[in-house]
Each structure stands twice: as structure tokens, then as C-alpha cells.
Amino acid sequence: MSSPSRRREMDVMKLMMSDYKVEMLNDGMNEFIVDFQGPADSPYESGVWKVRVELPDSYPYKSPSIGFVNKIFHPNVDDSGSVCLDVINHTWSPMFDLVNVFESFLPQLLLYPNPSDPLNGEAGSLMMRDKERYEQKVKEYCERYAKPKDAQTAVEESSDGEISDDSYTSSEDDTLGWQADP
């Protein structure tokens, strides 16, 4: 067994033995979904997200691919769930492991968004112009898309490897403010 392969297995096992629920996808240890609770004392604290993790063959020398499965309103997460996080995308080091991603990197991303370099322009713009309305919309997204039952539904809908967008359609109402389901 090669060193990257051994390290991948050790990191996945360490994550599974932590407080996170990890659901393996496929047969190997390269793809899985992790339940991620929003950090305390943030507008995201009531949310539970399914985060899809894909480990490249060269992990830990190359960073994991991280994406939110269920919807989140955040300047640095696009509509498909892709994450813009410098430590994962540009400055990854083999010194980091998967527990770092879920205990440090993602909580820091949610606690300290960067609205000046957004993947989600609407979230970045709203955060810069009206932080109170931004935080309210974050909480509404948590209520609408990030409850434990919603996180489970998101996994079931994406079990074919694609993130389903059936339950969400962007409209002018979303730009103006969240609307309750009819």
C-alpha cells in the first residue's frame, strides 16, 4: 500500500471516529458525505449541511474537493455548492487532514466570509450593503434548506453523483428576499 493511500485511509478513519457522521459513497474511501453543523454564535448555527468530499488519488499532496450538497447562502459558496477557500484551493499542505477541514477551515469560512471576492455575488453584495439583512437571509436559508431532515433529503437526491436543484429555483423574489413556500 502506498503512502498516499495509507494516509487517505488514516484520515478518513480519524474523521469517522470524530463527532462527525460520515457516509461513504461508492466502494472506496475517495468519496463520502459528512454532516456539518454550522458554527455556534453565527447566523449559520442552526444549520446542518451535507458536505461532499472527494479525495484525489494524490491526497494528501493534493487538496480534497469540498462542496455543500444542500443550499447555503454565503459569499464564498456558489449555487452548485462549490467552496472558495484559499487554504483548500491554493495553500493546501499535506500537514492538513480532513478533521482540519471540518473543525477549522469550514467553521472559519462561515464565521468570516469574504464578500469582496465572492462566488455568490448576491450574498457578497448583500453582506457589504446590509449585514443585518444578509444575516436574516442566512438564517432563512438555514431554516429552509439546512435542517437535519433537509440534509438527508439532499443526500438522497444527489446519490447519483449530481446535486439536485429540484427544490430550489432562483427568481426575482430570491433577490428581493426569501419567500415562504405557498
N, C-alpha and C. Protein backbone atom coordinates (compact mmCIF):
# COMPACT_ATOMS: atom_id res chain seq x y z
N MET A 1 0.86 -1.19 0.00
CA MET A 1 0.00 0.00 0.00
C MET A 1 0.90 1.24 0.00
N SER A 2 0.62 2.17 -0.90
CA SER A 2 1.45 3.36 -1.00
C SER A 2 1.15 4.33 0.13
N SER A 3 2.07 5.24 0.34
CA SER A 3 1.94 6.21 1.42
C SER A 3 0.69 7.09 1.28
N PRO A 4 0.38 7.67 0.08
CA PRO A 4 -0.85 8.46 -0.01
C PRO A 4 -2.09 7.64 0.29
N SER A 5 -2.09 6.39 -0.14
CA SER A 5 -3.23 5.53 0.11
C SER A 5 -3.40 5.25 1.61
N ARG A 6 -2.33 4.98 2.27
CA ARG A 6 -2.36 4.74 3.72
C ARG A 6 -2.82 6.00 4.46
N ARG A 7 -2.29 7.14 4.05
CA ARG A 7 -2.67 8.40 4.70
C ARG A 7 -4.14 8.70 4.48
N ARG A 8 -4.64 8.45 3.26
CA ARG A 8 -6.07 8.68 2.98
C ARG A 8 -6.92 7.84 3.92
N GLU A 9 -6.60 6.58 4.05
CA GLU A 9 -7.37 5.70 4.93
C GLU A 9 -7.30 6.15 6.38
N MET A 10 -6.12 6.56 6.83
CA MET A 10 -5.97 7.03 8.21
C MET A 10 -6.81 8.29 8.45
N ASP A 11 -6.77 9.23 7.50
CA ASP A 11 -7.53 10.48 7.67
C ASP A 11 -9.03 10.24 7.65
N VAL A 12 -9.49 9.36 6.76
CA VAL A 12 -10.92 9.05 6.72
C VAL A 12 -11.35 8.37 8.02
N MET A 13 -10.55 7.43 8.49
CA MET A 13 -10.87 6.74 9.75
C MET A 13 -10.88 7.73 10.93
N LYS A 14 -9.93 8.63 10.95
CA LYS A 14 -9.88 9.65 12.02
C LYS A 14 -11.15 10.52 11.98
N LEU A 15 -11.59 10.88 10.79
CA LEU A 15 -12.81 11.67 10.65
C LEU A 15 -14.02 10.87 11.11
N MET A 16 -14.06 9.59 10.76
CA MET A 16 -15.18 8.73 11.16
C MET A 16 -15.23 8.52 12.67
N MET A 17 -14.07 8.53 13.31
CA MET A 17 -14.02 8.33 14.76
C MET A 17 -14.27 9.62 15.53
N SER A 18 -14.33 10.74 14.83
CA SER A 18 -14.62 12.02 15.47
C SER A 18 -16.14 12.14 15.66
N ASP A 19 -16.60 13.33 15.96
CA ASP A 19 -18.03 13.55 16.21
C ASP A 19 -18.85 13.74 14.93
N TYR A 20 -18.25 13.52 13.77
CA TYR A 20 -18.95 13.75 12.51
C TYR A 20 -19.56 12.47 11.98
N LYS A 21 -20.76 12.59 11.42
CA LYS A 21 -21.38 11.46 10.73
C LYS A 21 -20.80 11.45 9.32
N VAL A 22 -20.23 10.32 8.94
CA VAL A 22 -19.60 10.17 7.62
C VAL A 22 -20.31 9.04 6.88
N GLU A 23 -20.77 9.34 5.68
CA GLU A 23 -21.45 8.35 4.84
C GLU A 23 -20.60 8.12 3.59
N MET A 24 -20.08 6.90 3.47
CA MET A 24 -19.23 6.58 2.33
C MET A 24 -20.08 6.43 1.07
N LEU A 25 -19.55 6.92 -0.04
CA LEU A 25 -20.19 6.76 -1.35
C LEU A 25 -19.31 5.81 -2.16
N ASN A 26 -19.89 4.98 -2.94
CA ASN A 26 -19.13 4.03 -3.76
C ASN A 26 -18.36 3.06 -2.89
N ASP A 27 -17.43 2.34 -3.47
CA ASP A 27 -16.74 1.28 -2.75
C ASP A 27 -15.47 1.73 -2.04
N GLY A 28 -14.79 2.73 -2.55
CA GLY A 28 -13.51 3.13 -1.98
C GLY A 28 -13.66 4.16 -0.88
N MET A 29 -12.53 4.73 -0.51
CA MET A 29 -12.52 5.78 0.52
C MET A 29 -12.29 7.15 -0.10
N ASN A 30 -12.57 7.27 -1.40
CA ASN A 30 -12.31 8.54 -2.08
C ASN A 30 -13.49 9.50 -2.07
N GLU A 31 -14.70 9.02 -1.86
CA GLU A 31 -15.88 9.89 -1.88
C GLU A 31 -16.77 9.59 -0.69
N PHE A 32 -17.17 10.66 -0.01
CA PHE A 32 -18.06 10.50 1.12
C PHE A 32 -18.75 11.81 1.42
N ILE A 33 -19.76 11.72 2.27
CA ILE A 33 -20.53 12.89 2.69
C ILE A 33 -20.42 13.00 4.21
N VAL A 34 -20.22 14.21 4.68
CA VAL A 34 -20.05 14.48 6.11
C VAL A 34 -21.15 15.44 6.55
N ASP A 35 -21.82 15.12 7.66
CA ASP A 35 -22.76 16.06 8.28
C ASP A 35 -21.95 17.15 8.96
N PHE A 36 -22.26 18.40 8.63
CA PHE A 36 -21.52 19.52 9.18
C PHE A 36 -22.49 20.51 9.81
N GLN A 37 -22.33 20.73 11.10
CA GLN A 37 -23.16 21.68 11.88
C GLN A 37 -22.56 23.07 11.76
N GLY A 38 -23.40 24.06 11.50
CA GLY A 38 -22.92 25.44 11.45
C GLY A 38 -22.30 25.83 12.78
N PRO A 39 -21.28 26.72 12.74
CA PRO A 39 -20.60 27.10 13.97
C PRO A 39 -21.49 27.91 14.92
N ALA A 40 -21.29 27.70 16.22
CA ALA A 40 -22.03 28.44 17.24
C ALA A 40 -21.74 29.93 17.12
N ASP A 41 -22.66 30.73 17.62
CA ASP A 41 -22.50 32.19 17.63
C ASP A 41 -22.33 32.75 16.23
N SER A 42 -23.02 32.14 15.27
CA SER A 42 -23.01 32.66 13.90
C SER A 42 -24.42 32.52 13.35
N PRO A 43 -24.74 33.24 12.28
CA PRO A 43 -26.07 33.07 11.69
C PRO A 43 -26.29 31.65 11.14
N TYR A 44 -25.23 30.89 11.00
CA TYR A 44 -25.30 29.53 10.46
C TYR A 44 -25.50 28.47 11.55
N GLU A 45 -25.55 28.85 12.81
CA GLU A 45 -25.52 27.87 13.90
C GLU A 45 -26.68 26.89 13.90
N SER A 46 -27.82 27.24 13.33
CA SER A 46 -28.95 26.30 13.33
C SER A 46 -28.92 25.34 12.15
N GLY A 47 -27.95 25.51 11.24
CA GLY A 47 -27.92 24.70 10.03
C GLY A 47 -27.10 23.42 10.16
N VAL A 48 -27.54 22.41 9.41
CA VAL A 48 -26.80 21.16 9.28
C VAL A 48 -26.69 20.91 7.78
N TRP A 49 -25.46 20.83 7.30
CA TRP A 49 -25.23 20.63 5.88
C TRP A 49 -24.58 19.28 5.62
N LYS A 50 -24.90 18.74 4.48
CA LYS A 50 -24.19 17.58 3.95
C LYS A 50 -23.07 18.17 3.09
N VAL A 51 -21.85 17.80 3.40
CA VAL A 51 -20.70 18.28 2.64
C VAL A 51 -20.08 17.08 1.92
N ARG A 52 -20.03 17.18 0.62
CA ARG A 52 -19.46 16.11 -0.20
C ARG A 52 -17.95 16.31 -0.28
N VAL A 53 -17.21 15.24 -0.04
CA VAL A 53 -15.76 15.28 -0.08
C VAL A 53 -15.28 14.26 -1.10
N GLU A 54 -14.43 14.70 -1.99
CA GLU A 54 -13.79 13.81 -2.95
C GLU A 54 -12.28 13.94 -2.78
N LEU A 55 -11.64 12.81 -2.53
CA LEU A 55 -10.19 12.81 -2.34
C LEU A 55 -9.51 12.37 -3.63
N PRO A 56 -8.59 13.18 -4.13
CA PRO A 56 -7.86 12.77 -5.33
C PRO A 56 -6.91 11.62 -5.00
N ASP A 57 -6.48 10.89 -6.01
CA ASP A 57 -5.54 9.79 -5.79
C ASP A 57 -4.27 10.26 -5.10
N SER A 58 -3.89 11.51 -5.34
CA SER A 58 -2.64 12.02 -4.76
C SER A 58 -2.83 12.71 -3.40
N TYR A 59 -4.03 12.57 -2.80
CA TYR A 59 -4.24 13.09 -1.45
C TYR A 59 -3.25 12.38 -0.52
N PRO A 60 -2.58 13.04 0.39
CA PRO A 60 -2.74 14.39 0.91
C PRO A 60 -1.90 15.46 0.21
N TYR A 61 -1.20 15.07 -0.85
CA TYR A 61 -0.36 16.04 -1.55
C TYR A 61 -1.19 17.02 -2.38
N LYS A 62 -2.38 16.59 -2.75
CA LYS A 62 -3.33 17.44 -3.44
C LYS A 62 -4.57 17.56 -2.56
N SER A 63 -5.18 18.73 -2.55
CA SER A 63 -6.30 19.01 -1.65
C SER A 63 -7.56 18.24 -2.03
N PRO A 64 -8.42 18.01 -1.02
CA PRO A 64 -9.72 17.39 -1.31
C PRO A 64 -10.63 18.39 -2.03
N SER A 65 -11.60 17.86 -2.74
CA SER A 65 -12.64 18.69 -3.33
C SER A 65 -13.80 18.70 -2.33
N ILE A 66 -14.24 19.90 -1.96
CA ILE A 66 -15.26 20.07 -0.93
C ILE A 66 -16.44 20.83 -1.52
N GLY A 67 -17.66 20.35 -1.28
CA GLY A 67 -18.83 21.07 -1.76
C GLY A 67 -20.05 20.82 -0.88
N PHE A 68 -20.84 21.86 -0.68
CA PHE A 68 -22.08 21.73 0.08
C PHE A 68 -23.13 21.08 -0.82
N VAL A 69 -23.83 20.08 -0.29
CA VAL A 69 -24.86 19.39 -1.06
C VAL A 69 -26.17 20.16 -0.96
N ASN A 70 -26.57 20.55 0.25
CA ASN A 70 -27.79 21.33 0.39
C ASN A 70 -27.44 22.82 0.35
N LYS A 71 -28.43 23.63 0.03
CA LYS A 71 -28.24 25.07 -0.21
C LYS A 71 -27.71 25.80 1.01
N ILE A 72 -26.82 26.77 0.74
CA ILE A 72 -26.30 27.65 1.77
C ILE A 72 -26.15 29.03 1.14
N PHE A 73 -26.48 30.07 1.89
CA PHE A 73 -26.33 31.44 1.40
C PHE A 73 -25.05 31.99 1.99
N HIS A 74 -24.03 32.13 1.14
CA HIS A 74 -22.71 32.54 1.61
C HIS A 74 -21.94 33.15 0.43
N PRO A 75 -21.22 34.25 0.66
CA PRO A 75 -20.49 34.87 -0.44
C PRO A 75 -19.46 33.96 -1.11
N ASN A 76 -18.90 33.02 -0.37
CA ASN A 76 -17.81 32.20 -0.90
C ASN A 76 -18.21 30.78 -1.24
N VAL A 77 -19.54 30.56 -1.42
CA VAL A 77 -20.06 29.27 -1.86
C VAL A 77 -21.04 29.57 -2.99
N ASP A 78 -20.79 28.96 -4.17
CA ASP A 78 -21.67 29.25 -5.29
C ASP A 78 -22.95 28.40 -5.24
N ASP A 79 -23.83 28.62 -6.21
CA ASP A 79 -25.13 27.93 -6.21
C ASP A 79 -25.01 26.42 -6.34
N SER A 80 -23.89 25.93 -6.89
CA SER A 80 -23.71 24.48 -7.01
C SER A 80 -23.13 23.87 -5.74
N GLY A 81 -22.74 24.72 -4.76
CA GLY A 81 -22.17 24.24 -3.51
C GLY A 81 -20.66 24.28 -3.47
N SER A 82 -20.03 24.68 -4.58
CA SER A 82 -18.57 24.77 -4.62
C SER A 82 -18.08 25.83 -3.64
N VAL A 83 -16.96 25.53 -3.00
CA VAL A 83 -16.41 26.39 -1.95
C VAL A 83 -15.17 27.10 -2.45
N CYS A 84 -15.11 28.40 -2.21
CA CYS A 84 -13.90 29.16 -2.48
C CYS A 84 -13.20 29.38 -1.14
N LEU A 85 -12.22 28.57 -0.87
CA LEU A 85 -11.50 28.64 0.40
C LEU A 85 -10.02 28.51 0.08
N ASP A 86 -9.28 29.57 0.30
CA ASP A 86 -7.88 29.63 -0.10
C ASP A 86 -7.07 28.46 0.42
N VAL A 87 -7.28 28.07 1.68
CA VAL A 87 -6.49 27.00 2.27
C VAL A 87 -6.73 25.67 1.57
N ILE A 88 -7.90 25.48 1.00
CA ILE A 88 -8.18 24.24 0.27
C ILE A 88 -7.77 24.39 -1.20
N ASN A 89 -8.09 25.53 -1.80
CA ASN A 89 -7.85 25.69 -3.22
C ASN A 89 -6.42 26.06 -3.59
N HIS A 90 -5.70 26.77 -2.72
CA HIS A 90 -4.38 27.28 -3.12
C HIS A 90 -3.24 26.95 -2.17
N THR A 91 -3.49 26.93 -0.90
CA THR A 91 -2.38 26.77 0.06
C THR A 91 -2.44 25.46 0.83
N TRP A 92 -3.10 24.46 0.26
CA TRP A 92 -3.20 23.16 0.90
C TRP A 92 -1.81 22.59 1.15
N SER A 93 -1.66 21.92 2.27
CA SER A 93 -0.41 21.28 2.62
C SER A 93 -0.71 19.87 3.12
N PRO A 94 0.19 18.90 2.88
CA PRO A 94 -0.01 17.56 3.42
C PRO A 94 -0.04 17.54 4.95
N MET A 95 0.35 18.65 5.58
CA MET A 95 0.26 18.73 7.05
C MET A 95 -1.20 18.78 7.51
N PHE A 96 -2.10 19.24 6.64
CA PHE A 96 -3.52 19.31 6.98
C PHE A 96 -4.15 17.94 6.81
N ASP A 97 -5.27 17.73 7.52
CA ASP A 97 -6.03 16.50 7.34
C ASP A 97 -7.51 16.83 7.26
N LEU A 98 -8.34 15.82 7.12
CA LEU A 98 -9.77 16.03 6.95
C LEU A 98 -10.43 16.61 8.19
N VAL A 99 -9.95 16.26 9.36
CA VAL A 99 -10.50 16.84 10.58
C VAL A 99 -10.25 18.35 10.60
N ASN A 100 -9.08 18.80 10.10
CA ASN A 100 -8.82 20.24 9.99
C ASN A 100 -9.89 20.92 9.14
N VAL A 101 -10.29 20.27 8.06
CA VAL A 101 -11.29 20.85 7.17
C VAL A 101 -12.59 21.12 7.92
N PHE A 102 -13.03 20.15 8.73
CA PHE A 102 -14.33 20.28 9.39
C PHE A 102 -14.28 20.95 10.75
N GLU A 103 -13.14 20.96 11.40
CA GLU A 103 -13.04 21.62 12.70
C GLU A 103 -12.49 23.03 12.62
N SER A 104 -11.78 23.34 11.55
CA SER A 104 -11.17 24.67 11.44
C SER A 104 -11.58 25.41 10.17
N PHE A 105 -11.28 24.82 9.01
CA PHE A 105 -11.42 25.56 7.76
C PHE A 105 -12.86 25.94 7.44
N LEU A 106 -13.79 24.98 7.47
CA LEU A 106 -15.18 25.32 7.16
C LEU A 106 -15.82 26.22 8.22
N PRO A 107 -15.61 25.96 9.53
CA PRO A 107 -16.15 26.92 10.51
C PRO A 107 -15.61 28.34 10.31
N GLN A 108 -14.33 28.46 10.00
CA GLN A 108 -13.75 29.79 9.76
C GLN A 108 -14.38 30.44 8.53
N LEU A 109 -14.62 29.64 7.50
CA LEU A 109 -15.26 30.17 6.30
C LEU A 109 -16.64 30.75 6.63
N LEU A 110 -17.41 30.04 7.46
CA LEU A 110 -18.75 30.51 7.80
C LEU A 110 -18.72 31.67 8.78
N LEU A 111 -17.74 31.68 9.67
CA LEU A 111 -17.64 32.77 10.64
C LEU A 111 -17.11 34.06 10.02
N TYR A 112 -16.23 33.93 9.03
CA TYR A 112 -15.57 35.11 8.45
C TYR A 112 -15.63 35.08 6.93
N PRO A 113 -16.83 35.29 6.37
CA PRO A 113 -16.95 35.30 4.91
C PRO A 113 -16.15 36.45 4.29
N ASN A 114 -15.76 36.28 3.03
CA ASN A 114 -15.05 37.34 2.31
C ASN A 114 -15.96 37.86 1.20
N PRO A 115 -16.74 38.91 1.49
CA PRO A 115 -17.68 39.40 0.48
C PRO A 115 -17.01 40.18 -0.65
N SER A 116 -15.75 40.55 -0.49
CA SER A 116 -15.09 41.33 -1.54
C SER A 116 -14.57 40.45 -2.69
N ASP A 117 -14.57 39.13 -2.52
CA ASP A 117 -14.15 38.22 -3.58
C ASP A 117 -15.14 37.05 -3.63
N PRO A 118 -16.41 37.35 -4.01
CA PRO A 118 -17.46 36.34 -3.87
C PRO A 118 -17.57 35.37 -5.04
N LEU A 119 -18.02 34.16 -4.74
CA LEU A 119 -18.51 33.23 -5.76
C LEU A 119 -20.01 33.46 -5.94
N ASN A 120 -20.67 33.90 -4.87
CA ASN A 120 -22.09 34.22 -4.89
C ASN A 120 -22.19 35.74 -4.76
N GLY A 121 -22.33 36.41 -5.89
CA GLY A 121 -22.36 37.87 -5.92
C GLY A 121 -23.48 38.47 -5.12
N GLU A 122 -24.65 37.83 -5.14
CA GLU A 122 -25.80 38.33 -4.39
C GLU A 122 -25.48 38.35 -2.89
N ALA A 123 -24.92 37.24 -2.38
CA ALA A 123 -24.59 37.17 -0.95
C ALA A 123 -23.51 38.18 -0.60
N GLY A 124 -22.49 38.29 -1.44
CA GLY A 124 -21.41 39.24 -1.16
C GLY A 124 -21.90 40.67 -1.15
N SER A 125 -22.71 41.02 -2.13
CA SER A 125 -23.25 42.37 -2.23
C SER A 125 -24.16 42.70 -1.05
N LEU A 126 -25.05 41.76 -0.70
CA LEU A 126 -25.97 41.99 0.42
C LEU A 126 -25.19 42.13 1.73
N MET A 127 -24.17 41.31 1.91
CA MET A 127 -23.38 41.38 3.15
C MET A 127 -22.69 42.73 3.28
N MET A 128 -22.17 43.25 2.16
CA MET A 128 -21.47 44.54 2.22
C MET A 128 -22.43 45.71 2.40
N ARG A 129 -23.62 45.63 1.81
CA ARG A 129 -24.52 46.77 1.91
C ARG A 129 -25.46 46.74 3.10
N ASP A 130 -25.83 45.54 3.57
CA ASP A 130 -26.80 45.46 4.67
C ASP A 130 -26.57 44.16 5.43
N LYS A 131 -25.64 44.19 6.39
CA LYS A 131 -25.25 42.97 7.10
C LYS A 131 -26.44 42.35 7.85
N GLU A 132 -27.32 43.16 8.38
CA GLU A 132 -28.48 42.63 9.10
C GLU A 132 -29.39 41.83 8.18
N ARG A 133 -29.67 42.36 6.98
CA ARG A 133 -30.50 41.62 6.01
C ARG A 133 -29.77 40.37 5.53
N TYR A 134 -28.45 40.46 5.36
CA TYR A 134 -27.65 39.29 4.98
C TYR A 134 -27.81 38.18 6.02
N GLU A 135 -27.63 38.53 7.29
CA GLU A 135 -27.73 37.53 8.36
C GLU A 135 -29.14 36.94 8.44
N GLN A 136 -30.15 37.76 8.19
CA GLN A 136 -31.53 37.26 8.18
C GLN A 136 -31.72 36.26 7.05
N LYS A 137 -31.18 36.56 5.87
CA LYS A 137 -31.31 35.64 4.73
C LYS A 137 -30.55 34.35 5.00
N VAL A 138 -29.38 34.43 5.65
CA VAL A 138 -28.64 33.23 6.03
C VAL A 138 -29.51 32.35 6.92
N LYS A 139 -30.14 32.96 7.91
CA LYS A 139 -31.00 32.21 8.84
C LYS A 139 -32.20 31.60 8.12
N GLU A 140 -32.75 32.33 7.15
CA GLU A 140 -33.87 31.80 6.38
C GLU A 140 -33.43 30.60 5.55
N TYR A 141 -32.25 30.66 4.96
CA TYR A 141 -31.72 29.52 4.22
C TYR A 141 -31.49 28.33 5.16
N CYS A 142 -30.99 28.60 6.34
CA CYS A 142 -30.79 27.52 7.32
C CYS A 142 -32.13 26.85 7.62
N GLU A 143 -33.14 27.66 7.84
CA GLU A 143 -34.47 27.13 8.15
C GLU A 143 -35.05 26.36 6.98
N ARG A 144 -34.83 26.86 5.78
CA ARG A 144 -35.44 26.26 4.60
C ARG A 144 -34.67 25.05 4.06
N TYR A 145 -33.34 25.10 4.10
CA TYR A 145 -32.54 24.08 3.41
C TYR A 145 -31.60 23.28 4.31
N ALA A 146 -31.37 23.70 5.54
CA ALA A 146 -30.30 23.09 6.32
C ALA A 146 -30.77 22.52 7.66
N LYS A 147 -31.97 22.01 7.69
CA LYS A 147 -32.43 21.26 8.86
C LYS A 147 -31.97 19.82 8.67
N PRO A 148 -31.83 19.05 9.74
CA PRO A 148 -31.36 17.66 9.58
C PRO A 148 -32.15 16.86 8.54
N LYS A 149 -33.47 17.02 8.49
CA LYS A 149 -34.27 16.28 7.51
C LYS A 149 -33.96 16.74 6.09
N ASP A 150 -33.67 18.05 5.90
CA ASP A 150 -33.32 18.56 4.59
C ASP A 150 -31.96 18.04 4.14
N ALA A 151 -31.05 17.92 5.08
CA ALA A 151 -29.73 17.41 4.76
C ALA A 151 -29.85 15.97 4.28
N GLN A 152 -30.71 15.16 4.91
CA GLN A 152 -30.89 13.78 4.48
C GLN A 152 -31.50 13.72 3.09
N THR A 153 -32.49 14.57 2.83
CA THR A 153 -33.11 14.62 1.51
C THR A 153 -32.10 15.01 0.45
N ALA A 154 -31.23 15.94 0.77
CA ALA A 154 -30.21 16.38 -0.19
C ALA A 154 -29.31 15.23 -0.59
N VAL A 155 -28.95 14.37 0.34
CA VAL A 155 -28.11 13.22 0.02
C VAL A 155 -28.85 12.24 -0.87
N GLU A 156 -30.10 11.97 -0.56
CA GLU A 156 -30.88 11.04 -1.36
C GLU A 156 -31.02 11.54 -2.79
N GLU A 157 -31.23 12.84 -2.96
CA GLU A 157 -31.39 13.41 -4.29
C GLU A 157 -30.08 13.42 -5.06
N SER A 158 -28.94 13.46 -4.37
CA SER A 158 -27.66 13.54 -5.06
C SER A 158 -26.93 12.21 -5.10
N SER A 159 -27.61 11.12 -4.78
CA SER A 159 -26.94 9.83 -4.72
C SER A 159 -26.39 9.38 -6.07
N ASP A 160 -26.87 9.98 -7.15
CA ASP A 160 -26.34 9.63 -8.46
C ASP A 160 -25.08 10.41 -8.79
N GLY A 161 -24.58 11.19 -7.83
CA GLY A 161 -23.35 11.94 -8.04
C GLY A 161 -23.58 13.37 -8.49
N GLU A 162 -24.84 13.71 -8.75
CA GLU A 162 -25.14 15.07 -9.15
C GLU A 162 -25.97 15.72 -8.07
N ILE A 163 -25.75 17.00 -7.86
CA ILE A 163 -26.51 17.73 -6.87
C ILE A 163 -27.82 18.16 -7.50
N SER A 164 -28.91 17.74 -6.90
CA SER A 164 -30.22 18.06 -7.41
C SER A 164 -30.59 19.50 -7.06
N ASP A 165 -31.28 20.14 -7.97
CA ASP A 165 -31.70 21.51 -7.74
C ASP A 165 -33.22 21.60 -7.84
N ASP A 166 -33.91 20.45 -7.75
CA ASP A 166 -35.35 20.43 -7.94
C ASP A 166 -36.12 21.27 -6.94
N SER A 167 -35.65 21.33 -5.71
CA SER A 167 -36.42 22.01 -4.67
C SER A 167 -36.14 23.50 -4.63
N TYR A 168 -35.29 23.99 -5.52
CA TYR A 168 -34.93 25.40 -5.47
C TYR A 168 -34.89 25.97 -6.86
N THR A 169 -35.57 27.08 -7.05
CA THR A 169 -35.45 27.79 -8.31
C THR A 169 -35.19 29.24 -7.98
N SER A 170 -34.22 29.80 -8.65
CA SER A 170 -33.86 31.19 -8.43
C SER A 170 -34.91 32.05 -9.12
N SER A 171 -35.29 33.12 -8.48
CA SER A 171 -36.26 34.03 -9.07
C SER A 171 -35.98 35.43 -8.57
N GLU A 172 -36.73 36.36 -9.10
CA GLU A 172 -36.57 37.74 -8.65
C GLU A 172 -36.90 37.86 -7.16
N ASP A 173 -37.84 37.02 -6.67
CA ASP A 173 -38.19 37.05 -5.26
C ASP A 173 -36.96 36.75 -4.38
N ASP A 174 -36.08 35.84 -4.85
CA ASP A 174 -34.90 35.49 -4.06
C ASP A 174 -33.95 36.69 -3.97
N THR A 175 -33.91 37.51 -5.00
CA THR A 175 -33.05 38.68 -4.95
C THR A 175 -33.61 39.70 -3.95
N LEU A 176 -34.92 39.80 -3.91
CA LEU A 176 -35.55 40.78 -3.03
C LEU A 176 -35.66 40.29 -1.59
N GLY A 177 -35.69 39.01 -1.40
CA GLY A 177 -35.83 38.44 -0.06
C GLY A 177 -36.50 37.09 -0.15
N TRP A 178 -36.25 36.26 0.81
CA TRP A 178 -36.77 34.89 0.79
C TRP A 178 -38.28 34.90 0.90
N GLN A 179 -38.89 34.02 0.15
CA GLN A 179 -40.35 33.88 0.19
C GLN A 179 -40.69 32.52 0.76
N ALA A 180 -41.70 32.46 1.61
CA ALA A 180 -42.14 31.19 2.18
C ALA A 180 -42.78 30.35 1.10
N ASP A 181 -42.70 29.03 1.23
CA ASP A 181 -43.35 28.14 0.28
C ASP A 181 -44.85 28.36 0.34
N PRO A 182 -45.54 28.33 -0.82
CA PRO A 182 -47.00 28.53 -0.82
C PRO A 182 -47.73 27.41 -0.16
